[in-house]
Amino acid sequence: MARLKDLYKTQIVPELAKEFGYKNPMAVPRIEKIIVSMGVGKAAGDKKFLELAKKDLMMITAQMPAVCKAKKSVSNFKVRAGNETGLKVTVRGDRMYEFMDRLVSLAIPRVRDFRGLDPNSFDGRGNYSLGLSEQSVFPEIDAAKMEFQQGMNITFVTTAKTDDEARSMLALFGMPFKRPREQ
């Protein structure tokens, strides 16, 4: 069993039930899925960039990414409708917990000048999004062989009803949120 899945069942569920007054353990918020997406704007000019980003994303998530196509033409970005411009992966189940474990314990600490994740990046319904400026923070990616830097967006979709519940749950998972400033 994944380390974070075991942590969730043994420690996080009782802690959240006590904090928010849940009587039923099934009512306690949980993470449904993690969505990792990359916008590969360089792919409009050269398909090589899309293939390299696909390979990197597949190594990071251990899953084949889906290719996203542009819905509209945008002349300023030299993009036509139907061009392949991005990649996305939806990770669920044990893979989700494994990915989150690597993200929290290995990748985020490797970010340069890291001062904590923004605790206000919730959408109002308990889902949290964060962005990474390069994929080389993941240990699966060899920085020496990397041809170009590519950022990514990571969204945690939870069953939490409020942002406070989701923030508390993710903090118990080990997400390094910034501390609010004391005044």
C-alpha atoms as a PDB file:
ATOM      1  CA  MET A   1       0.000   0.000   0.000  1.00  0.00           C
ATOM      2  CA  ALA A   2       1.197   3.534  -0.717  1.00  0.00           C
ATOM      3  CA  ARG A   3       2.739   5.296   2.289  1.00  0.00           C
ATOM      4  CA  LEU A   4       0.414   8.329   2.088  1.00  0.00           C
ATOM      5  CA  LYS A   5      -2.673   6.143   1.627  1.00  0.00           C
ATOM      6  CA  ASP A   6      -1.806   4.330   4.856  1.00  0.00           C
ATOM      7  CA  LEU A   7      -1.128   7.681   6.564  1.00  0.00           C
ATOM      8  CA  TYR A   8      -4.538   8.936   5.399  1.00  0.00           C
ATOM      9  CA  LYS A   9      -6.414   5.925   6.772  1.00  0.00           C
ATOM     10  CA  THR A  10      -4.603   5.692  10.107  1.00  0.00           C
ATOM     11  CA  GLN A  11      -3.877   9.319  11.092  1.00  0.00           C
ATOM     12  CA  ILE A  12      -5.498  11.895   8.816  1.00  0.00           C
ATOM     13  CA  VAL A  13      -9.090  10.548   8.917  1.00  0.00           C
ATOM     14  CA  PRO A  14      -9.273  10.521  12.762  1.00  0.00           C
ATOM     15  CA  GLU A  15      -7.589  13.942  12.974  1.00  0.00           C
ATOM     16  CA  LEU A  16     -10.010  15.548  10.462  1.00  0.00           C
ATOM     17  CA  ALA A  17     -13.013  13.827  12.073  1.00  0.00           C
ATOM     18  CA  LYS A  18     -12.022  15.292  15.423  1.00  0.00           C
ATOM     19  CA  GLU A  19     -11.235  18.771  14.004  1.00  0.00           C
ATOM     20  CA  PHE A  20     -14.418  19.175  11.934  1.00  0.00           C
ATOM     21  CA  GLY A  21     -16.781  16.962  13.961  1.00  0.00           C
ATOM     22  CA  TYR A  22     -17.465  14.185  11.454  1.00  0.00           C
ATOM     23  CA  LYS A  23     -19.317  11.197  12.900  1.00  0.00           C
ATOM     24  CA  ASN A  24     -18.986   8.977   9.826  1.00  0.00           C
ATOM     25  CA  PRO A  25     -15.450   8.260   8.494  1.00  0.00           C
ATOM     26  CA  MET A  26     -16.839   8.236   4.930  1.00  0.00           C
ATOM     27  CA  ALA A  27     -17.819  11.914   5.322  1.00  0.00           C
ATOM     28  CA  VAL A  28     -14.186  12.924   5.916  1.00  0.00           C
ATOM     29  CA  PRO A  29     -12.734  14.729   2.858  1.00  0.00           C
ATOM     30  CA  ARG A  30     -10.348  12.814   0.614  1.00  0.00           C
ATOM     31  CA  ILE A  31      -8.357  13.451  -2.538  1.00  0.00           C
ATOM     32  CA  GLU A  32     -10.251  12.189  -5.595  1.00  0.00           C
ATOM     33  CA  LYS A  33      -7.605  12.785  -8.257  1.00  0.00           C
ATOM     34  CA  ILE A  34      -4.561  14.825  -9.189  1.00  0.00           C
ATOM     35  CA  ILE A  35      -4.427  16.466 -12.607  1.00  0.00           C
ATOM     36  CA  VAL A  36      -1.017  17.342 -14.043  1.00  0.00           C
ATOM     37  CA  SER A  37      -1.042  19.508 -17.176  1.00  0.00           C
ATOM     38  CA  MET A  38       1.576  21.122 -19.392  1.00  0.00           C
ATOM     39  CA  GLY A  39       1.049  23.817 -21.966  1.00  0.00           C
ATOM     40  CA  VAL A  40       3.597  23.223 -24.722  1.00  0.00           C
ATOM     41  CA  GLY A  41       3.390  26.400 -26.804  1.00  0.00           C
ATOM     42  CA  LYS A  42       6.656  25.584 -28.571  1.00  0.00           C
ATOM     43  CA  ALA A  43       4.928  22.570 -30.150  1.00  0.00           C
ATOM     44  CA  ALA A  44       3.197  24.884 -32.656  1.00  0.00           C
ATOM     45  CA  GLY A  45       6.543  25.381 -34.372  1.00  0.00           C
ATOM     46  CA  ASP A  46       8.173  22.006 -33.812  1.00  0.00           C
ATOM     47  CA  LYS A  47       6.540  18.681 -32.851  1.00  0.00           C
ATOM     48  CA  LYS A  48       9.813  17.563 -31.235  1.00  0.00           C
ATOM     49  CA  PHE A  49       9.000  19.688 -28.164  1.00  0.00           C
ATOM     50  CA  LEU A  50       5.650  17.945 -27.696  1.00  0.00           C
ATOM     51  CA  GLU A  51       7.280  14.513 -27.845  1.00  0.00           C
ATOM     52  CA  LEU A  52       9.978  15.506 -25.322  1.00  0.00           C
ATOM     53  CA  ALA A  53       7.366  16.956 -22.949  1.00  0.00           C
ATOM     54  CA  LYS A  54       5.232  13.815 -23.357  1.00  0.00           C
ATOM     55  CA  LYS A  55       8.198  11.623 -22.444  1.00  0.00           C
ATOM     56  CA  ASP A  56       8.995  13.749 -19.365  1.00  0.00           C
ATOM     57  CA  LEU A  57       5.383  13.839 -18.171  1.00  0.00           C
ATOM     58  CA  MET A  58       5.103  10.084 -18.638  1.00  0.00           C
ATOM     59  CA  MET A  59       8.227   9.548 -16.509  1.00  0.00           C
ATOM     60  CA  ILE A  60       6.925  11.882 -13.774  1.00  0.00           C
ATOM     61  CA  THR A  61       3.401  10.453 -13.490  1.00  0.00           C
ATOM     62  CA  ALA A  62       3.978   6.844 -14.673  1.00  0.00           C
ATOM     63  CA  GLN A  63       1.016   7.251 -17.007  1.00  0.00           C
ATOM     64  CA  MET A  64       0.580   8.095 -20.688  1.00  0.00           C
ATOM     65  CA  PRO A  65      -0.471  11.762 -21.108  1.00  0.00           C
ATOM     66  CA  ALA A  66      -3.430  12.812 -23.226  1.00  0.00           C
ATOM     67  CA  VAL A  67      -2.683  15.370 -25.935  1.00  0.00           C
ATOM     68  CA  CYS A  68      -4.778  18.560 -25.811  1.00  0.00           C
ATOM     69  CA  LYS A  69      -5.606  20.461 -28.977  1.00  0.00           C
ATOM     70  CA  ALA A  70      -6.294  24.174 -29.388  1.00  0.00           C
ATOM     71  CA  LYS A  71     -10.003  25.000 -29.620  1.00  0.00           C
ATOM     72  CA  LYS A  72      -9.526  28.406 -31.226  1.00  0.00           C
ATOM     73  CA  SER A  73      -6.994  29.996 -33.525  1.00  0.00           C
ATOM     74  CA  VAL A  74      -4.867  32.738 -31.948  1.00  0.00           C
ATOM     75  CA  SER A  75      -2.723  34.568 -34.483  1.00  0.00           C
ATOM     76  CA  ASN A  76      -0.562  36.320 -31.856  1.00  0.00           C
ATOM     77  CA  PHE A  77       0.648  32.941 -30.578  1.00  0.00           C
ATOM     78  CA  LYS A  78       0.803  31.369 -34.076  1.00  0.00           C
ATOM     79  CA  VAL A  79      -1.718  28.717 -33.011  1.00  0.00           C
ATOM     80  CA  ARG A  80      -4.466  27.330 -35.215  1.00  0.00           C
ATOM     81  CA  ALA A  81      -7.541  25.441 -34.086  1.00  0.00           C
ATOM     82  CA  GLY A  82      -6.689  21.746 -33.887  1.00  0.00           C
ATOM     83  CA  ASN A  83      -2.964  22.235 -33.193  1.00  0.00           C
ATOM     84  CA  GLU A  84      -1.558  20.047 -30.418  1.00  0.00           C
ATOM     85  CA  THR A  85      -0.649  22.557 -27.714  1.00  0.00           C
ATOM     86  CA  GLY A  86      -0.688  20.732 -24.384  1.00  0.00           C
ATOM     87  CA  LEU A  87      -0.632  17.529 -22.385  1.00  0.00           C
ATOM     88  CA  LYS A  88      -2.547  16.357 -19.343  1.00  0.00           C
ATOM     89  CA  VAL A  89      -2.625  13.353 -17.044  1.00  0.00           C
ATOM     90  CA  THR A  90      -5.267  12.454 -14.454  1.00  0.00           C
ATOM     91  CA  VAL A  91      -3.762  10.310 -11.706  1.00  0.00           C
ATOM     92  CA  ARG A  92      -6.034   8.330  -9.356  1.00  0.00           C
ATOM     93  CA  GLY A  93      -5.790   5.561  -6.765  1.00  0.00           C
ATOM     94  CA  ASP A  94      -2.428   4.217  -5.602  1.00  0.00           C
ATOM     95  CA  ARG A  95      -0.549   6.059  -8.353  1.00  0.00           C
ATOM     96  CA  MET A  96      -2.047   9.302  -7.070  1.00  0.00           C
ATOM     97  CA  TYR A  97      -0.683   8.697  -3.572  1.00  0.00           C
ATOM     98  CA  GLU A  98       2.729   7.676  -4.975  1.00  0.00           C
ATOM     99  CA  PHE A  99       2.858  10.837  -7.115  1.00  0.00           C
ATOM    100  CA  MET A 100       1.838  13.031  -4.185  1.00  0.00           C
ATOM    101  CA  ASP A 101       4.474  11.409  -1.977  1.00  0.00           C
ATOM    102  CA  ARG A 102       7.207  12.148  -4.540  1.00  0.00           C
ATOM    103  CA  LEU A 103       5.887  15.693  -5.053  1.00  0.00           C
ATOM    104  CA  VAL A 104       5.800  16.568  -1.336  1.00  0.00           C
ATOM    105  CA  SER A 105       8.933  14.775  -0.152  1.00  0.00           C
ATOM    106  CA  LEU A 106      11.255  15.025  -3.175  1.00  0.00           C
ATOM    107  CA  ALA A 107      10.202  17.566  -5.810  1.00  0.00           C
ATOM    108  CA  ILE A 108       8.948  20.587  -3.826  1.00  0.00           C
ATOM    109  CA  PRO A 109      12.041  20.724  -1.553  1.00  0.00           C
ATOM    110  CA  ARG A 110      14.223  20.872  -4.708  1.00  0.00           C
ATOM    111  CA  VAL A 111      12.562  24.076  -5.972  1.00  0.00           C
ATOM    112  CA  ARG A 112      14.978  27.008  -5.919  1.00  0.00           C
ATOM    113  CA  ASP A 113      14.237  29.797  -3.410  1.00  0.00           C
ATOM    114  CA  PHE A 114      11.232  27.904  -2.080  1.00  0.00           C
ATOM    115  CA  ARG A 115       9.427  29.680   0.750  1.00  0.00           C
ATOM    116  CA  GLY A 116       6.267  27.587   0.947  1.00  0.00           C
ATOM    117  CA  LEU A 117       3.149  26.990  -1.128  1.00  0.00           C
ATOM    118  CA  ASP A 118       0.502  29.700  -1.315  1.00  0.00           C
ATOM    119  CA  PRO A 119      -2.256  28.717   1.152  1.00  0.00           C
ATOM    120  CA  ASN A 120      -4.790  30.820  -0.793  1.00  0.00           C
ATOM    121  CA  SER A 121      -4.655  28.950  -4.125  1.00  0.00           C
ATOM    122  CA  PHE A 122      -7.942  27.168  -3.441  1.00  0.00           C
ATOM    123  CA  ASP A 123     -10.926  27.573  -5.759  1.00  0.00           C
ATOM    124  CA  GLY A 124     -13.638  27.962  -3.099  1.00  0.00           C
ATOM    125  CA  ARG A 125     -14.769  24.339  -3.403  1.00  0.00           C
ATOM    126  CA  GLY A 126     -11.814  22.617  -1.773  1.00  0.00           C
ATOM    127  CA  ASN A 127      -9.624  22.081  -4.848  1.00  0.00           C
ATOM    128  CA  TYR A 128      -5.992  23.253  -4.760  1.00  0.00           C
ATOM    129  CA  SER A 129      -3.766  24.254  -7.694  1.00  0.00           C
ATOM    130  CA  LEU A 130      -0.066  24.930  -7.847  1.00  0.00           C
ATOM    131  CA  GLY A 131       2.411  25.593 -10.609  1.00  0.00           C
ATOM    132  CA  LEU A 132       5.995  24.457 -11.077  1.00  0.00           C
ATOM    133  CA  SER A 133       8.275  26.422 -13.387  1.00  0.00           C
ATOM    134  CA  GLU A 134      10.368  23.441 -14.503  1.00  0.00           C
ATOM    135  CA  GLN A 135      10.083  19.673 -14.632  1.00  0.00           C
ATOM    136  CA  SER A 136      13.674  19.046 -13.497  1.00  0.00           C
ATOM    137  CA  VAL A 137      12.675  19.216  -9.803  1.00  0.00           C
ATOM    138  CA  PHE A 138      11.389  15.642 -10.115  1.00  0.00           C
ATOM    139  CA  PRO A 139      14.106  13.031  -9.542  1.00  0.00           C
ATOM    140  CA  GLU A 140      12.976  11.014 -12.594  1.00  0.00           C
ATOM    141  CA  ILE A 141      14.117  13.782 -14.940  1.00  0.00           C
ATOM    142  CA  ASP A 142      17.850  13.950 -15.664  1.00  0.00           C
ATOM    143  CA  ALA A 143      18.697  17.680 -15.805  1.00  0.00           C
ATOM    144  CA  ALA A 144      21.818  16.998 -17.926  1.00  0.00           C
ATOM    145  CA  LYS A 145      19.779  15.359 -20.711  1.00  0.00           C
ATOM    146  CA  MET A 146      16.930  17.891 -20.579  1.00  0.00           C
ATOM    147  CA  GLU A 147      16.676  19.887 -23.829  1.00  0.00           C
ATOM    148  CA  PHE A 148      14.237  22.589 -22.683  1.00  0.00           C
ATOM    149  CA  GLN A 149      12.538  23.716 -19.487  1.00  0.00           C
ATOM    150  CA  GLN A 150       8.827  23.140 -19.248  1.00  0.00           C
ATOM    151  CA  GLY A 151       6.491  24.213 -16.462  1.00  0.00           C
ATOM    152  CA  MET A 152       3.414  22.360 -15.288  1.00  0.00           C
ATOM    153  CA  ASN A 153       0.204  22.893 -13.366  1.00  0.00           C
ATOM    154  CA  ILE A 154      -0.857  20.440 -10.669  1.00  0.00           C
ATOM    155  CA  THR A 155      -4.431  20.413  -9.363  1.00  0.00           C
ATOM    156  CA  PHE A 156      -5.614  18.428  -6.345  1.00  0.00           C
ATOM    157  CA  VAL A 157      -9.336  17.639  -6.653  1.00  0.00           C
ATOM    158  CA  THR A 158     -10.828  16.847  -3.240  1.00  0.00           C
ATOM    159  CA  THR A 159     -14.235  15.975  -1.821  1.00  0.00           C
ATOM    160  CA  ALA A 160     -13.903  18.754   0.775  1.00  0.00           C
ATOM    161  CA  LYS A 161     -16.841  21.150   0.981  1.00  0.00           C
ATOM    162  CA  THR A 162     -14.752  24.158   2.060  1.00  0.00           C
ATOM    163  CA  ASP A 163     -11.237  25.443   1.494  1.00  0.00           C
ATOM    164  CA  ASP A 164     -10.460  25.202   5.212  1.00  0.00           C
ATOM    165  CA  GLU A 165     -11.194  21.471   5.246  1.00  0.00           C
ATOM    166  CA  ALA A 166      -9.044  20.903   2.157  1.00  0.00           C
ATOM    167  CA  ARG A 167      -6.208  23.104   3.494  1.00  0.00           C
ATOM    168  CA  SER A 168      -6.194  21.173   6.764  1.00  0.00           C
ATOM    169  CA  MET A 169      -6.221  17.817   4.956  1.00  0.00           C
ATOM    170  CA  LEU A 170      -3.398  18.747   2.577  1.00  0.00           C
ATOM    171  CA  ALA A 171      -1.337  20.160   5.454  1.00  0.00           C
ATOM    172  CA  LEU A 172      -1.716  16.815   7.266  1.00  0.00           C
ATOM    173  CA  PHE A 173      -0.433  15.107   4.092  1.00  0.00           C
ATOM    174  CA  GLY A 174       2.701  17.242   4.432  1.00  0.00           C
ATOM    175  CA  MET A 175       2.095  20.029   1.915  1.00  0.00           C
ATOM    176  CA  PRO A 176       4.466  22.858   2.930  1.00  0.00           C
ATOM    177  CA  PHE A 177       2.112  25.855   3.055  1.00  0.00           C
ATOM    178  CA  LYS A 178       3.426  29.317   3.954  1.00  0.00           C
ATOM    179  CA  ARG A 179       2.652  30.432   7.458  1.00  0.00           C
ATOM    180  CA  PRO A 180       0.339  33.462   7.692  1.00  0.00           C
ATOM    181  CA  ARG A 181       2.211  36.609   8.684  1.00  0.00           C
ATOM    182  CA  GLU A 182       1.875  37.579  12.315  1.00  0.00           C
ATOM    183  CA  GLN A 183       0.990  41.216  12.930  1.00  0.00           C
END
